[in-house]
């Protein structure tokens, strides 16, 4: 149990939750690896040919678990250092909900330099004068 105790003391008084979880997972895998070692050692005392063949298969399984445990140890050490599995510094990712884009993607359509003409041949300036002259008249609008 001493490696787990030392790692827990290494975390300090106020550990990072990721580091604490990594140490717990590593500690459980270390106990499991020790149990596999004891089982593989006891299986070597088998007397029949089939039990010895099964012992070889179990030893291969134990070796695969040991390789996985080595990768888990690397992950745990890098987590304690504040790095990811490849060794890069771990950066905090903050997800922010946004309803609109940060910038306008498409610029609004602006009228060109050429004034638009209506059906009567008046441009916008003449049309504005006509509207101002008729501001006092009321118009009835019927909606269907």
Protein backbone atom coordinates (compact mmCIF):
# COMPACT_ATOMS: atom_id res chain seq x y z
CA UNK A 1 0.00 0.00 0.00
CA UNK A 2 2.96 2.36 0.35
CA UNK A 3 3.11 3.68 -3.24
CA UNK A 4 -0.50 4.83 -2.98
CA UNK A 5 0.16 6.46 0.39
CA UNK A 6 3.18 8.32 -0.98
CA UNK A 7 1.24 9.51 -4.02
CA UNK A 8 -1.63 10.68 -1.84
CA UNK A 9 0.82 12.67 0.29
CA UNK A 10 2.36 14.08 -2.88
CA UNK A 11 -1.00 15.60 -3.83
CA UNK A 12 -0.98 17.91 -0.82
CA UNK A 13 -3.76 19.34 1.29
CA UNK A 14 -5.97 20.67 -1.52
CA UNK A 15 -5.47 18.36 -4.52
CA UNK A 16 -6.71 18.88 -8.05
CA UNK A 17 -9.73 16.58 -8.66
CA UNK A 18 -8.10 15.19 -11.83
CA UNK A 19 -4.92 14.31 -9.95
CA UNK A 20 -6.88 12.75 -7.09
CA UNK A 21 -8.87 10.62 -9.54
CA UNK A 22 -5.68 9.58 -11.37
CA UNK A 23 -4.04 8.45 -8.11
CA UNK A 24 -7.15 6.47 -7.10
CA UNK A 25 -7.33 4.73 -10.49
CA UNK A 26 -3.59 4.02 -10.41
CA UNK A 27 -3.81 2.64 -6.88
CA UNK A 28 -6.66 0.28 -7.80
CA UNK A 29 -4.75 -0.88 -10.90
CA UNK A 30 -1.63 -1.43 -8.77
CA UNK A 31 -3.58 -3.71 -6.39
CA UNK A 32 -5.09 -5.57 -9.36
CA UNK A 33 -1.63 -5.98 -10.90
CA UNK A 34 -0.33 -7.41 -7.62
CA UNK A 35 -3.20 -9.90 -7.50
CA UNK A 36 -2.46 -10.96 -11.09
CA UNK A 37 1.19 -11.49 -10.16
CA UNK A 38 0.26 -13.73 -7.23
CA UNK A 39 -2.21 -15.71 -9.37
CA UNK A 40 0.36 -16.20 -12.18
CA UNK A 41 2.98 -17.33 -9.66
CA UNK A 42 0.63 -19.87 -8.09
CA UNK A 43 -0.45 -21.16 -11.50
CA UNK A 44 3.14 -22.15 -12.30
CA UNK A 45 2.86 -25.07 -9.84
CA UNK A 46 0.32 -26.83 -12.08
CA UNK A 47 0.98 -30.53 -12.70
CA UNK A 48 -1.03 -31.33 -15.85
CA UNK A 49 -0.07 -30.37 -19.38
CA UNK A 50 -3.34 -28.47 -19.96
CA UNK A 51 -2.90 -26.47 -16.73
CA UNK A 52 0.65 -25.55 -17.80
CA UNK A 53 -0.66 -24.39 -21.21
CA UNK A 54 -3.34 -22.36 -19.46
CA UNK A 55 -0.60 -20.91 -17.25
CA UNK A 56 1.28 -19.75 -20.35
CA UNK A 57 -1.87 -18.05 -21.66
CA UNK A 58 -2.50 -16.48 -18.26
CA UNK A 59 1.10 -15.22 -18.14
CA UNK A 60 0.58 -13.58 -21.56
CA UNK A 61 -2.57 -11.92 -20.22
CA UNK A 62 -0.63 -10.78 -17.16
CA UNK A 63 2.07 -9.27 -19.39
CA UNK A 64 -0.55 -7.33 -21.39
CA UNK A 65 -2.02 -6.02 -18.15
CA UNK A 66 1.48 -4.99 -17.01
CA UNK A 67 1.97 -3.04 -20.25
CA UNK A 68 -1.38 -1.32 -19.68
CA UNK A 69 -0.34 -0.57 -16.10
CA UNK A 70 2.88 1.01 -17.39
CA UNK A 71 0.82 3.33 -19.63
CA UNK A 72 -1.48 4.08 -16.69
CA UNK A 73 1.57 4.97 -14.58
CA UNK A 74 2.78 7.35 -17.30
CA UNK A 75 -0.67 8.96 -17.44
CA UNK A 76 -0.78 9.36 -13.65
CA UNK A 77 2.71 10.94 -13.46
CA UNK A 78 1.91 13.33 -16.31
CA UNK A 79 -1.41 14.24 -14.65
CA UNK A 80 0.40 15.08 -11.42
CA UNK A 81 2.72 17.34 -13.45
CA UNK A 82 -0.24 19.12 -15.09
CA UNK A 83 0.37 17.59 -18.52
CA UNK A 84 -1.57 15.31 -20.84
CA UNK A 85 -0.49 11.81 -21.88
CA UNK A 86 1.69 13.11 -24.73
CA UNK A 87 3.52 15.51 -22.38
CA UNK A 88 1.93 18.76 -23.57
CA UNK A 89 0.85 21.27 -20.94
CA UNK A 90 -2.82 20.78 -20.17
CA UNK A 91 -4.91 23.87 -20.87
CA UNK A 92 -8.26 24.68 -19.36
CA UNK A 93 -11.18 24.54 -21.78
CA UNK A 94 -14.15 26.71 -20.99
CA UNK A 95 -17.31 26.15 -22.97
CA UNK A 96 -19.34 29.35 -23.39
CA UNK A 97 -22.82 29.32 -24.84
CA UNK A 98 -23.31 31.97 -27.50
CA UNK A 99 -26.50 32.74 -29.38
CA UNK A 100 -25.07 35.06 -32.03
CA UNK A 101 -21.75 35.04 -33.85
CA UNK A 102 -19.03 37.20 -32.31
CA UNK A 103 -18.71 39.18 -35.54
CA UNK A 104 -21.08 39.85 -38.37
CA UNK A 105 -20.30 37.17 -40.93
CA UNK A 106 -22.02 38.83 -43.88
CA UNK A 107 -22.02 42.62 -44.17
CA UNK A 108 -25.46 44.20 -44.51
CA UNK A 109 -26.49 45.27 -48.00
CA UNK A 110 -26.08 49.02 -48.47
CA UNK A 111 -27.79 50.98 -51.25
CA UNK A 112 -25.50 51.96 -54.10
CA UNK A 113 -24.62 55.43 -55.36
CA UNK A 114 -27.23 55.29 -58.11
CA UNK A 115 -30.63 56.39 -56.80
CA UNK A 116 -33.46 53.99 -57.43
CA UNK A 117 -36.32 55.30 -59.55
CA UNK A 118 -39.93 54.40 -59.03
CA UNK A 119 -42.53 53.67 -61.72
CA UNK A 120 -43.34 57.37 -62.25
CA UNK A 121 -39.69 58.21 -62.96
CA UNK A 122 -39.05 60.04 -59.67
CA UNK A 123 -35.82 59.40 -57.79
CA UNK A 124 -35.57 59.13 -53.97
CA UNK A 125 -35.09 62.85 -53.30
CA UNK A 126 -38.23 63.77 -55.28
CA UNK A 127 -40.16 60.96 -53.60
CA UNK A 128 -39.15 62.28 -50.13
CA UNK A 129 -40.47 65.74 -51.07
CA UNK A 130 -43.80 64.22 -52.17
CA UNK A 131 -44.08 62.27 -48.93
CA UNK A 132 -43.32 65.36 -46.79
CA UNK A 133 -45.93 67.36 -48.67
CA UNK A 134 -48.55 64.70 -48.02
CA UNK A 135 -47.73 64.13 -44.35
CA UNK A 136 -50.89 65.87 -43.22
CA UNK A 137 -53.19 63.70 -45.31
CA UNK A 138 -54.42 60.46 -43.85
CA UNK A 139 -54.62 57.30 -45.85
CA UNK A 140 -56.93 54.43 -45.12
CA UNK A 141 -55.39 50.96 -45.26
CA UNK A 142 -57.57 47.90 -45.59
CA UNK A 143 -56.15 44.50 -44.70
CA UNK A 144 -57.69 41.34 -46.10
